[in-house]
Amino acid sequence: MKNAYLTSHFPILAILFFCLSFGIWTQQYTAAFLETAGIYQGMLEFFSENGIKLTMLFILMLAFFMIIAALKLISDTMMGLSLLFFLNDEAGDARSYLQSCGWIYLIAGGVSLFLTSQLYLLGGLFIGATLVSFVYLIILLAPSLRFTGVAGFFLLHVSFWGLFIIGTGYAFLRLYNSFLHSLPV
């Protein structure tokens, strides 16, 4: 007898793996920046080197955990809405398809632990896992959907995430520009 919830812990493990990977890279980058700025030596007078690095890693992992968990929450909500709109599934069989995508993120999260020194590969792996998971899910759901359902499912996700990324980028650009204009030059 197979338990339907056997893989239910994969998303949290994948999130923790990615948080650790991004946290290690950011911690190394921050430590190098603090050292070149001359701040790191002053910190060593009050704390041990391992204490500083572990504290920075914990705080950075927590920050990345909040970001990735929020993205997962938004993604799950969008997935539920798109399944509501485009899939006629009264028994809830599509949930098993969603759980099978957890394997992709878990494997990518495990691989990310080996790429902690290269940000572009790490970010590419995260985005690649997302795209592979999305395409895999569409392939799994395609027999249950008509062509209009597949097109609507695809367009809903692409348009939402495109607007989300553009809107977030615009907000950060506005914040950056307002910060630059507030500097006394």
N, C-alpha and C. Protein backbone atom coordinates (compact mmCIF):
# COMPACT_ATOMS: atom_id res chain seq x y z
N MET A 1 0.84 -1.18 0.00
CA MET A 1 0.00 0.00 0.00
C MET A 1 0.89 1.24 0.00
N LYS A 2 0.66 2.12 -0.97
CA LYS A 2 1.46 3.32 -1.10
C LYS A 2 0.73 4.49 -0.44
N ASN A 3 1.43 5.22 0.37
CA ASN A 3 0.87 6.38 1.02
C ASN A 3 0.92 7.56 0.06
N ALA A 4 -0.19 8.27 -0.11
CA ALA A 4 -0.26 9.39 -1.04
C ALA A 4 0.56 10.58 -0.57
N TYR A 5 0.89 10.62 0.69
CA TYR A 5 1.61 11.76 1.25
C TYR A 5 3.08 11.46 1.51
N LEU A 6 3.60 10.44 0.85
CA LEU A 6 4.99 10.04 1.04
C LEU A 6 5.97 11.13 0.64
N THR A 7 5.64 11.89 -0.39
CA THR A 7 6.54 12.93 -0.88
C THR A 7 6.13 14.33 -0.44
N SER A 8 5.30 14.44 0.56
CA SER A 8 4.80 15.76 0.96
C SER A 8 5.86 16.64 1.62
N HIS A 9 6.95 16.07 2.06
CA HIS A 9 8.01 16.87 2.69
C HIS A 9 9.04 17.36 1.68
N PHE A 10 8.94 16.96 0.42
CA PHE A 10 9.92 17.38 -0.59
C PHE A 10 9.98 18.89 -0.79
N PRO A 11 8.84 19.60 -0.83
CA PRO A 11 8.95 21.06 -1.03
C PRO A 11 9.75 21.76 0.06
N ILE A 12 9.55 21.41 1.32
CA ILE A 12 10.29 22.09 2.38
C ILE A 12 11.78 21.74 2.32
N LEU A 13 12.11 20.51 1.96
CA LEU A 13 13.52 20.15 1.80
C LEU A 13 14.15 20.91 0.64
N ALA A 14 13.42 21.02 -0.47
CA ALA A 14 13.95 21.76 -1.62
C ALA A 14 14.14 23.23 -1.27
N ILE A 15 13.19 23.81 -0.55
CA ILE A 15 13.33 25.21 -0.13
C ILE A 15 14.53 25.38 0.78
N LEU A 16 14.72 24.46 1.72
CA LEU A 16 15.88 24.55 2.62
C LEU A 16 17.19 24.39 1.88
N PHE A 17 17.24 23.48 0.90
CA PHE A 17 18.46 23.31 0.11
C PHE A 17 18.79 24.58 -0.67
N PHE A 18 17.79 25.15 -1.33
CA PHE A 18 18.03 26.38 -2.08
C PHE A 18 18.38 27.54 -1.15
N CYS A 19 17.73 27.63 0.00
CA CYS A 19 18.05 28.70 0.96
C CYS A 19 19.49 28.57 1.46
N LEU A 20 19.91 27.35 1.73
CA LEU A 20 21.29 27.13 2.17
C LEU A 20 22.27 27.51 1.08
N SER A 21 21.98 27.14 -0.15
CA SER A 21 22.89 27.44 -1.26
C SER A 21 22.99 28.95 -1.49
N PHE A 22 21.84 29.62 -1.59
CA PHE A 22 21.87 31.07 -1.78
C PHE A 22 22.46 31.77 -0.55
N GLY A 23 22.19 31.26 0.64
CA GLY A 23 22.73 31.84 1.85
C GLY A 23 24.25 31.73 1.93
N ILE A 24 24.79 30.58 1.54
CA ILE A 24 26.25 30.41 1.55
C ILE A 24 26.90 31.37 0.57
N TRP A 25 26.34 31.48 -0.65
CA TRP A 25 26.94 32.39 -1.62
C TRP A 25 26.90 33.83 -1.11
N THR A 26 25.74 34.25 -0.59
CA THR A 26 25.61 35.62 -0.11
C THR A 26 26.49 35.88 1.10
N GLN A 27 26.63 34.89 1.96
CA GLN A 27 27.49 35.04 3.13
C GLN A 27 28.95 35.22 2.70
N GLN A 28 29.40 34.45 1.73
CA GLN A 28 30.77 34.59 1.23
C GLN A 28 30.97 35.95 0.58
N TYR A 29 30.00 36.39 -0.19
CA TYR A 29 30.09 37.69 -0.86
C TYR A 29 30.08 38.82 0.17
N THR A 30 29.21 38.73 1.17
CA THR A 30 29.13 39.76 2.20
C THR A 30 30.39 39.81 3.04
N ALA A 31 30.93 38.65 3.38
CA ALA A 31 32.17 38.62 4.17
C ALA A 31 33.32 39.25 3.38
N ALA A 32 33.40 38.96 2.08
CA ALA A 32 34.46 39.56 1.25
C ALA A 32 34.26 41.06 1.15
N PHE A 33 33.02 41.51 1.02
CA PHE A 33 32.76 42.95 0.96
C PHE A 33 33.13 43.64 2.26
N LEU A 34 32.74 43.04 3.39
CA LEU A 34 33.06 43.63 4.69
C LEU A 34 34.56 43.67 4.93
N GLU A 35 35.26 42.67 4.40
CA GLU A 35 36.71 42.65 4.58
C GLU A 35 37.38 43.73 3.75
N THR A 36 36.93 43.93 2.52
CA THR A 36 37.54 44.99 1.70
C THR A 36 37.15 46.37 2.21
N ALA A 37 35.99 46.49 2.85
CA ALA A 37 35.57 47.78 3.41
C ALA A 37 36.25 48.07 4.75
N GLY A 38 36.92 47.05 5.33
CA GLY A 38 37.62 47.23 6.59
C GLY A 38 36.74 47.06 7.81
N ILE A 39 35.54 46.62 7.64
CA ILE A 39 34.61 46.46 8.76
C ILE A 39 34.81 45.11 9.44
N TYR A 40 35.22 44.13 8.67
CA TYR A 40 35.31 42.76 9.17
C TYR A 40 36.32 42.64 10.32
N GLN A 41 37.45 43.35 10.24
CA GLN A 41 38.46 43.29 11.30
C GLN A 41 37.91 43.85 12.61
N GLY A 42 37.11 44.91 12.51
CA GLY A 42 36.50 45.46 13.72
C GLY A 42 35.49 44.51 14.33
N MET A 43 34.80 43.75 13.50
CA MET A 43 33.84 42.77 14.01
C MET A 43 34.55 41.62 14.70
N LEU A 44 35.75 41.28 14.21
CA LEU A 44 36.50 40.18 14.81
C LEU A 44 36.97 40.50 16.22
N GLU A 45 37.03 41.78 16.58
CA GLU A 45 37.42 42.15 17.94
C GLU A 45 36.35 41.78 18.96
N PHE A 46 35.11 41.71 18.50
CA PHE A 46 34.00 41.42 19.41
C PHE A 46 33.46 40.00 19.28
N PHE A 47 33.57 39.41 18.09
CA PHE A 47 33.00 38.08 17.85
C PHE A 47 34.05 37.20 17.18
N SER A 48 33.88 35.91 17.30
CA SER A 48 34.78 34.99 16.61
C SER A 48 34.40 34.92 15.13
N GLU A 49 35.35 34.48 14.33
CA GLU A 49 35.10 34.41 12.89
C GLU A 49 33.98 33.42 12.56
N ASN A 50 34.00 32.26 13.22
CA ASN A 50 32.93 31.28 12.99
C ASN A 50 31.58 31.80 13.46
N GLY A 51 31.57 32.54 14.56
CA GLY A 51 30.32 33.12 15.05
C GLY A 51 29.72 34.12 14.08
N ILE A 52 30.59 34.94 13.49
CA ILE A 52 30.13 35.92 12.51
C ILE A 52 29.57 35.22 11.29
N LYS A 53 30.31 34.24 10.79
CA LYS A 53 29.87 33.55 9.57
C LYS A 53 28.59 32.75 9.80
N LEU A 54 28.48 32.08 10.93
CA LEU A 54 27.26 31.31 11.20
C LEU A 54 26.05 32.22 11.42
N THR A 55 26.26 33.34 12.09
CA THR A 55 25.15 34.28 12.29
C THR A 55 24.70 34.88 10.97
N MET A 56 25.65 35.27 10.13
CA MET A 56 25.29 35.80 8.82
C MET A 56 24.57 34.75 7.99
N LEU A 57 25.06 33.51 8.03
CA LEU A 57 24.43 32.43 7.27
C LEU A 57 23.01 32.19 7.75
N PHE A 58 22.79 32.19 9.06
CA PHE A 58 21.45 31.97 9.60
C PHE A 58 20.50 33.07 9.16
N ILE A 59 20.94 34.32 9.27
CA ILE A 59 20.08 35.45 8.90
C ILE A 59 19.79 35.44 7.41
N LEU A 60 20.79 35.15 6.59
CA LEU A 60 20.59 35.10 5.15
C LEU A 60 19.70 33.93 4.75
N MET A 61 19.89 32.78 5.39
CA MET A 61 19.01 31.64 5.10
C MET A 61 17.57 31.98 5.47
N LEU A 62 17.38 32.66 6.57
CA LEU A 62 16.03 33.05 6.98
C LEU A 62 15.41 34.00 5.97
N ALA A 63 16.19 34.97 5.48
CA ALA A 63 15.68 35.91 4.49
C ALA A 63 15.32 35.18 3.19
N PHE A 64 16.21 34.29 2.72
CA PHE A 64 15.91 33.54 1.49
C PHE A 64 14.74 32.58 1.70
N PHE A 65 14.61 32.03 2.90
CA PHE A 65 13.48 31.16 3.18
C PHE A 65 12.17 31.93 3.06
N MET A 66 12.15 33.15 3.59
CA MET A 66 10.93 33.95 3.50
C MET A 66 10.60 34.27 2.05
N ILE A 67 11.60 34.59 1.25
CA ILE A 67 11.36 34.93 -0.15
C ILE A 67 10.88 33.71 -0.93
N ILE A 68 11.58 32.60 -0.80
CA ILE A 68 11.22 31.41 -1.58
C ILE A 68 9.89 30.82 -1.10
N ALA A 69 9.64 30.84 0.20
CA ALA A 69 8.36 30.34 0.71
C ALA A 69 7.21 31.23 0.23
N ALA A 70 7.42 32.53 0.17
CA ALA A 70 6.38 33.42 -0.35
C ALA A 70 6.14 33.14 -1.83
N LEU A 71 7.21 32.92 -2.59
CA LEU A 71 7.04 32.58 -4.01
C LEU A 71 6.30 31.25 -4.16
N LYS A 72 6.56 30.29 -3.29
CA LYS A 72 5.86 29.01 -3.36
C LYS A 72 4.39 29.19 -3.02
N LEU A 73 4.09 30.02 -2.05
CA LEU A 73 2.70 30.28 -1.69
C LEU A 73 1.96 30.93 -2.86
N ILE A 74 2.58 31.90 -3.50
CA ILE A 74 1.96 32.54 -4.67
C ILE A 74 1.80 31.53 -5.79
N SER A 75 2.82 30.71 -6.00
CA SER A 75 2.77 29.70 -7.05
C SER A 75 1.66 28.68 -6.80
N ASP A 76 1.53 28.23 -5.57
CA ASP A 76 0.46 27.27 -5.26
C ASP A 76 -0.92 27.88 -5.46
N THR A 77 -1.07 29.15 -5.10
CA THR A 77 -2.34 29.82 -5.31
C THR A 77 -2.65 29.95 -6.80
N MET A 78 -1.67 30.34 -7.58
CA MET A 78 -1.88 30.46 -9.03
C MET A 78 -2.15 29.10 -9.65
N MET A 79 -1.49 28.08 -9.16
CA MET A 79 -1.73 26.73 -9.69
C MET A 79 -3.14 26.28 -9.37
N GLY A 80 -3.59 26.54 -8.15
CA GLY A 80 -4.95 26.18 -7.78
C GLY A 80 -5.99 26.93 -8.61
N LEU A 81 -5.74 28.23 -8.84
CA LEU A 81 -6.67 29.00 -9.67
C LEU A 81 -6.70 28.50 -11.11
N SER A 82 -5.55 28.21 -11.65
CA SER A 82 -5.52 27.74 -13.04
C SER A 82 -6.16 26.37 -13.18
N LEU A 83 -5.98 25.51 -12.18
CA LEU A 83 -6.66 24.21 -12.22
C LEU A 83 -8.16 24.39 -12.06
N LEU A 84 -8.58 25.35 -11.24
CA LEU A 84 -10.01 25.63 -11.08
C LEU A 84 -10.62 26.11 -12.38
N PHE A 85 -9.92 27.01 -13.07
CA PHE A 85 -10.46 27.59 -14.29
C PHE A 85 -10.43 26.64 -15.49
N PHE A 86 -9.39 25.83 -15.61
CA PHE A 86 -9.17 25.12 -16.86
C PHE A 86 -9.26 23.60 -16.77
N LEU A 87 -9.39 23.04 -15.58
CA LEU A 87 -9.43 21.58 -15.45
C LEU A 87 -10.72 21.17 -14.75
N ASN A 88 -11.41 20.21 -15.31
CA ASN A 88 -12.62 19.68 -14.69
C ASN A 88 -12.22 18.41 -13.95
N ASP A 89 -11.82 18.58 -12.69
CA ASP A 89 -11.30 17.47 -11.90
C ASP A 89 -12.02 17.44 -10.57
N GLU A 90 -13.07 16.68 -10.51
CA GLU A 90 -13.86 16.62 -9.28
C GLU A 90 -13.23 15.70 -8.23
N ALA A 91 -12.46 14.73 -8.65
CA ALA A 91 -11.86 13.77 -7.71
C ALA A 91 -10.57 14.29 -7.09
N GLY A 92 -9.96 15.31 -7.66
CA GLY A 92 -8.71 15.86 -7.12
C GLY A 92 -7.48 15.07 -7.55
N ASP A 93 -7.55 14.44 -8.73
CA ASP A 93 -6.42 13.65 -9.21
C ASP A 93 -5.22 14.52 -9.59
N ALA A 94 -5.46 15.78 -9.91
CA ALA A 94 -4.37 16.66 -10.34
C ALA A 94 -3.39 16.94 -9.21
N ARG A 95 -3.79 16.79 -7.97
CA ARG A 95 -2.89 17.02 -6.84
C ARG A 95 -1.70 16.05 -6.87
N SER A 96 -1.94 14.83 -7.33
CA SER A 96 -0.82 13.88 -7.43
C SER A 96 0.18 14.33 -8.48
N TYR A 97 -0.29 15.01 -9.53
CA TYR A 97 0.63 15.55 -10.53
C TYR A 97 1.48 16.66 -9.93
N LEU A 98 0.86 17.48 -9.11
CA LEU A 98 1.60 18.57 -8.47
C LEU A 98 2.66 18.03 -7.52
N GLN A 99 2.34 16.94 -6.81
CA GLN A 99 3.32 16.37 -5.89
C GLN A 99 4.49 15.75 -6.63
N SER A 100 4.25 15.26 -7.84
CA SER A 100 5.35 14.65 -8.59
C SER A 100 6.36 15.70 -9.05
N CYS A 101 5.95 16.95 -9.12
CA CYS A 101 6.89 18.01 -9.48
C CYS A 101 7.85 18.31 -8.33
N GLY A 102 7.53 17.85 -7.13
CA GLY A 102 8.43 18.05 -5.99
C GLY A 102 9.76 17.36 -6.17
N TRP A 103 9.76 16.26 -6.92
CA TRP A 103 11.03 15.56 -7.20
C TRP A 103 11.99 16.45 -7.97
N ILE A 104 11.47 17.20 -8.91
CA ILE A 104 12.32 18.07 -9.73
C ILE A 104 13.01 19.11 -8.85
N TYR A 105 12.24 19.75 -7.97
CA TYR A 105 12.82 20.75 -7.08
C TYR A 105 13.78 20.13 -6.06
N LEU A 106 13.45 18.94 -5.58
CA LEU A 106 14.33 18.31 -4.61
C LEU A 106 15.69 17.97 -5.23
N ILE A 107 15.67 17.42 -6.43
CA ILE A 107 16.93 17.10 -7.12
C ILE A 107 17.71 18.37 -7.43
N ALA A 108 17.01 19.40 -7.91
CA ALA A 108 17.69 20.67 -8.21
C ALA A 108 18.24 21.30 -6.94
N GLY A 109 17.50 21.20 -5.83
CA GLY A 109 18.00 21.73 -4.56
C GLY A 109 19.24 21.01 -4.08
N GLY A 110 19.27 19.67 -4.27
CA GLY A 110 20.47 18.91 -3.91
C GLY A 110 21.67 19.29 -4.77
N VAL A 111 21.43 19.51 -6.06
CA VAL A 111 22.52 19.91 -6.96
C VAL A 111 22.99 21.32 -6.61
N SER A 112 22.07 22.17 -6.14
CA SER A 112 22.44 23.55 -5.83
C SER A 112 23.47 23.63 -4.71
N LEU A 113 23.51 22.61 -3.85
CA LEU A 113 24.50 22.63 -2.77
C LEU A 113 25.93 22.54 -3.29
N PHE A 114 26.09 22.04 -4.52
CA PHE A 114 27.42 21.95 -5.11
C PHE A 114 27.77 23.19 -5.92
N LEU A 115 26.83 24.12 -6.09
CA LEU A 115 27.06 25.31 -6.91
C LEU A 115 27.07 26.59 -6.09
N THR A 116 27.42 26.49 -4.83
CA THR A 116 27.31 27.65 -3.94
C THR A 116 28.30 28.76 -4.26
N SER A 117 29.29 28.50 -5.06
CA SER A 117 30.27 29.55 -5.36
C SER A 117 29.98 30.26 -6.67
N GLN A 118 28.93 29.85 -7.38
CA GLN A 118 28.64 30.46 -8.68
C GLN A 118 27.17 30.87 -8.73
N LEU A 119 26.95 32.16 -8.59
CA LEU A 119 25.58 32.69 -8.48
C LEU A 119 24.78 32.47 -9.75
N TYR A 120 25.39 32.67 -10.91
CA TYR A 120 24.64 32.54 -12.16
C TYR A 120 24.17 31.11 -12.38
N LEU A 121 25.01 30.15 -12.06
CA LEU A 121 24.59 28.75 -12.18
C LEU A 121 23.52 28.40 -11.15
N LEU A 122 23.65 28.96 -9.97
CA LEU A 122 22.68 28.72 -8.91
C LEU A 122 21.31 29.30 -9.28
N GLY A 123 21.30 30.53 -9.74
CA GLY A 123 20.04 31.15 -10.18
C GLY A 123 19.47 30.46 -11.41
N GLY A 124 20.36 30.07 -12.33
CA GLY A 124 19.90 29.35 -13.51
C GLY A 124 19.31 28.00 -13.17
N LEU A 125 19.88 27.35 -12.18
CA LEU A 125 19.34 26.05 -11.73
C LEU A 125 17.96 26.23 -11.13
N PHE A 126 17.77 27.27 -10.33
CA PHE A 126 16.46 27.52 -9.73
C PHE A 126 15.41 27.83 -10.80
N ILE A 127 15.76 28.70 -11.73
CA ILE A 127 14.84 29.05 -12.81
C ILE A 127 14.62 27.85 -13.72
N GLY A 128 15.69 27.10 -14.01
CA GLY A 128 15.55 25.91 -14.84
C GLY A 128 14.65 24.86 -14.20
N ALA A 129 14.78 24.66 -12.90
CA ALA A 129 13.91 23.70 -12.20
C ALA A 129 12.46 24.14 -12.26
N THR A 130 12.25 25.45 -12.16
CA THR A 130 10.89 25.97 -12.26
C THR A 130 10.31 25.74 -13.65
N LEU A 131 11.08 26.01 -14.68
CA LEU A 131 10.60 25.81 -16.05
C LEU A 131 10.38 24.34 -16.37
N VAL A 132 11.30 23.49 -15.96
CA VAL A 132 11.15 22.05 -16.20
C VAL A 132 9.93 21.52 -15.46
N SER A 133 9.73 21.95 -14.24
CA SER A 133 8.56 21.53 -13.47
C SER A 133 7.27 21.99 -14.14
N PHE A 134 7.24 23.21 -14.65
CA PHE A 134 6.06 23.74 -15.31
C PHE A 134 5.75 22.98 -16.59
N VAL A 135 6.77 22.74 -17.40
CA VAL A 135 6.56 21.99 -18.66
C VAL A 135 6.14 20.55 -18.36
N TYR A 136 6.76 19.94 -17.37
CA TYR A 136 6.40 18.58 -16.97
C TYR A 136 4.94 18.51 -16.51
N LEU A 137 4.52 19.52 -15.75
CA LEU A 137 3.14 19.56 -15.29
C LEU A 137 2.16 19.73 -16.45
N ILE A 138 2.51 20.57 -17.40
CA ILE A 138 1.64 20.75 -18.57
C ILE A 138 1.55 19.45 -19.36
N ILE A 139 2.66 18.75 -19.51
CA ILE A 139 2.65 17.46 -20.22
C ILE A 139 1.78 16.45 -19.48
N LEU A 140 1.85 16.43 -18.15
CA LEU A 140 1.01 15.52 -17.38
C LEU A 140 -0.47 15.87 -17.46
N LEU A 141 -0.77 17.17 -17.48
CA LEU A 141 -2.16 17.60 -17.49
C LEU A 141 -2.78 17.65 -18.88
N ALA A 142 -1.96 17.65 -19.93
CA ALA A 142 -2.46 17.80 -21.30
C ALA A 142 -3.53 16.77 -21.68
N PRO A 143 -3.41 15.49 -21.30
CA PRO A 143 -4.49 14.56 -21.67
C PRO A 143 -5.84 14.90 -21.00
N SER A 144 -5.81 15.57 -19.88
CA SER A 144 -7.04 15.91 -19.16
C SER A 144 -7.64 17.24 -19.61
N LEU A 145 -6.89 18.00 -20.42
CA LEU A 145 -7.32 19.32 -20.84
C LEU A 145 -7.57 19.34 -22.35
N ARG A 146 -8.46 20.23 -22.76
CA ARG A 146 -8.61 20.51 -24.19
C ARG A 146 -7.51 21.48 -24.58
N PHE A 147 -7.40 21.78 -25.86
CA PHE A 147 -6.37 22.70 -26.33
C PHE A 147 -6.55 24.08 -25.71
N THR A 148 -7.79 24.53 -25.61
CA THR A 148 -8.03 25.84 -25.01
C THR A 148 -7.65 25.85 -23.53
N GLY A 149 -7.84 24.72 -22.85
CA GLY A 149 -7.44 24.62 -21.45
C GLY A 149 -5.94 24.70 -21.27
N VAL A 150 -5.21 24.00 -22.15
CA VAL A 150 -3.74 24.05 -22.09
C VAL A 150 -3.25 25.47 -22.39
N ALA A 151 -3.85 26.08 -23.41
CA ALA A 151 -3.44 27.45 -23.77
C ALA A 151 -3.77 28.42 -22.65
N GLY A 152 -4.95 28.30 -22.06
CA GLY A 152 -5.32 29.18 -20.96
C GLY A 152 -4.46 28.97 -19.74
N PHE A 153 -4.18 27.71 -19.41
CA PHE A 153 -3.31 27.38 -18.29
C PHE A 153 -1.94 28.02 -18.48
N PHE A 154 -1.39 27.85 -19.66
CA PHE A 154 -0.06 28.39 -19.99
C PHE A 154 -0.08 29.92 -19.96
N LEU A 155 -1.05 30.53 -20.61
CA LEU A 155 -1.10 31.99 -20.69
C LEU A 155 -1.36 32.63 -19.33
N LEU A 156 -2.17 32.00 -18.50
CA LEU A 156 -2.42 32.55 -17.17
C LEU A 156 -1.13 32.61 -16.36
N HIS A 157 -0.37 31.53 -16.38
CA HIS A 157 0.88 31.51 -15.60
C HIS A 157 1.93 32.45 -16.19
N VAL A 158 2.09 32.42 -17.49
CA VAL A 158 3.11 33.27 -18.12
C VAL A 158 2.77 34.74 -17.92
N SER A 159 1.50 35.11 -18.09
CA SER A 159 1.14 36.52 -17.92
C SER A 159 1.26 36.95 -16.46
N PHE A 160 0.83 36.10 -15.53
CA PHE A 160 0.93 36.49 -14.12
C PHE A 160 2.39 36.66 -13.72
N TRP A 161 3.23 35.66 -14.00
CA TRP A 161 4.62 35.75 -13.55
C TRP A 161 5.38 36.83 -14.30
N GLY A 162 5.03 37.06 -15.57
CA GLY A 162 5.65 38.16 -16.29
C GLY A 162 5.32 39.50 -15.66
N LEU A 163 4.03 39.71 -15.35
CA LEU A 163 3.63 40.95 -14.69
C LEU A 163 4.22 41.06 -13.29
N PHE A 164 4.31 39.95 -12.59
CA PHE A 164 4.89 39.96 -11.25
C PHE A 164 6.36 40.38 -11.29
N ILE A 165 7.12 39.81 -12.21
CA ILE A 165 8.55 40.13 -12.32
C ILE A 165 8.75 41.57 -12.78
N ILE A 166 7.97 42.00 -13.78
CA ILE A 166 8.09 43.37 -14.27
C ILE A 166 7.68 44.36 -13.18
N GLY A 167 6.60 44.08 -12.48
CA GLY A 167 6.15 44.97 -11.40
C GLY A 167 7.15 45.06 -10.27
N THR A 168 7.70 43.92 -9.87
CA THR A 168 8.70 43.91 -8.80
C THR A 168 9.97 44.65 -9.24
N GLY A 169 10.40 44.40 -10.47
CA GLY A 169 11.57 45.11 -10.99
C GLY A 169 11.34 46.61 -11.06
N TYR A 170 10.15 47.00 -11.49
CA TYR A 170 9.82 48.43 -11.55
C TYR A 170 9.83 49.05 -10.15
N ALA A 171 9.27 48.35 -9.18
CA ALA A 171 9.25 48.87 -7.81
C ALA A 171 10.67 49.04 -7.27
N PHE A 172 11.54 48.05 -7.51
CA PHE A 172 12.92 48.17 -7.06
C PHE A 172 13.65 49.29 -7.79
N LEU A 173 13.38 49.46 -9.07
CA LEU A 173 14.01 50.54 -9.83
C LEU A 173 13.56 51.90 -9.31
N ARG A 174 12.28 52.04 -9.00
CA ARG A 174 11.78 53.30 -8.44
C ARG A 174 12.41 53.57 -7.07
N LEU A 175 12.52 52.52 -6.25
CA LEU A 175 13.14 52.67 -4.93
C LEU A 175 14.60 53.07 -5.07
N TYR A 176 15.31 52.45 -6.00
CA TYR A 176 16.72 52.77 -6.24
C TYR A 176 16.88 54.21 -6.71
N ASN A 177 16.04 54.62 -7.65
CA ASN A 177 16.12 55.99 -8.16
C ASN A 177 15.78 57.01 -7.08
N SER A 178 14.80 56.73 -6.25
CA SER A 178 14.48 57.67 -5.17
C SER A 178 15.60 57.73 -4.15
N PHE A 179 16.28 56.60 -3.93
CA PHE A 179 17.44 56.61 -3.04
C PHE A 179 18.56 57.45 -3.61
N LEU A 180 18.82 57.32 -4.92
CA LEU A 180 19.87 58.12 -5.56
C LEU A 180 19.55 59.61 -5.54
N HIS A 181 18.28 59.96 -5.74
CA HIS A 181 17.89 61.38 -5.72
C HIS A 181 17.94 61.98 -4.32
N SER A 182 17.86 61.14 -3.30
CA SER A 182 17.90 61.67 -1.93
C SER A 182 19.31 61.88 -1.43
N LEU A 183 20.32 61.37 -2.17
CA LEU A 183 21.70 61.55 -1.74
C LEU A 183 22.13 63.00 -1.92
N PRO A 184 22.83 63.54 -0.95
CA PRO A 184 23.29 64.94 -1.10
C PRO A 184 24.50 64.99 -2.01
N VAL A 185 24.26 65.44 -3.22
CA VAL A 185 25.37 65.51 -4.19
C VAL A 185 25.66 66.95 -4.52
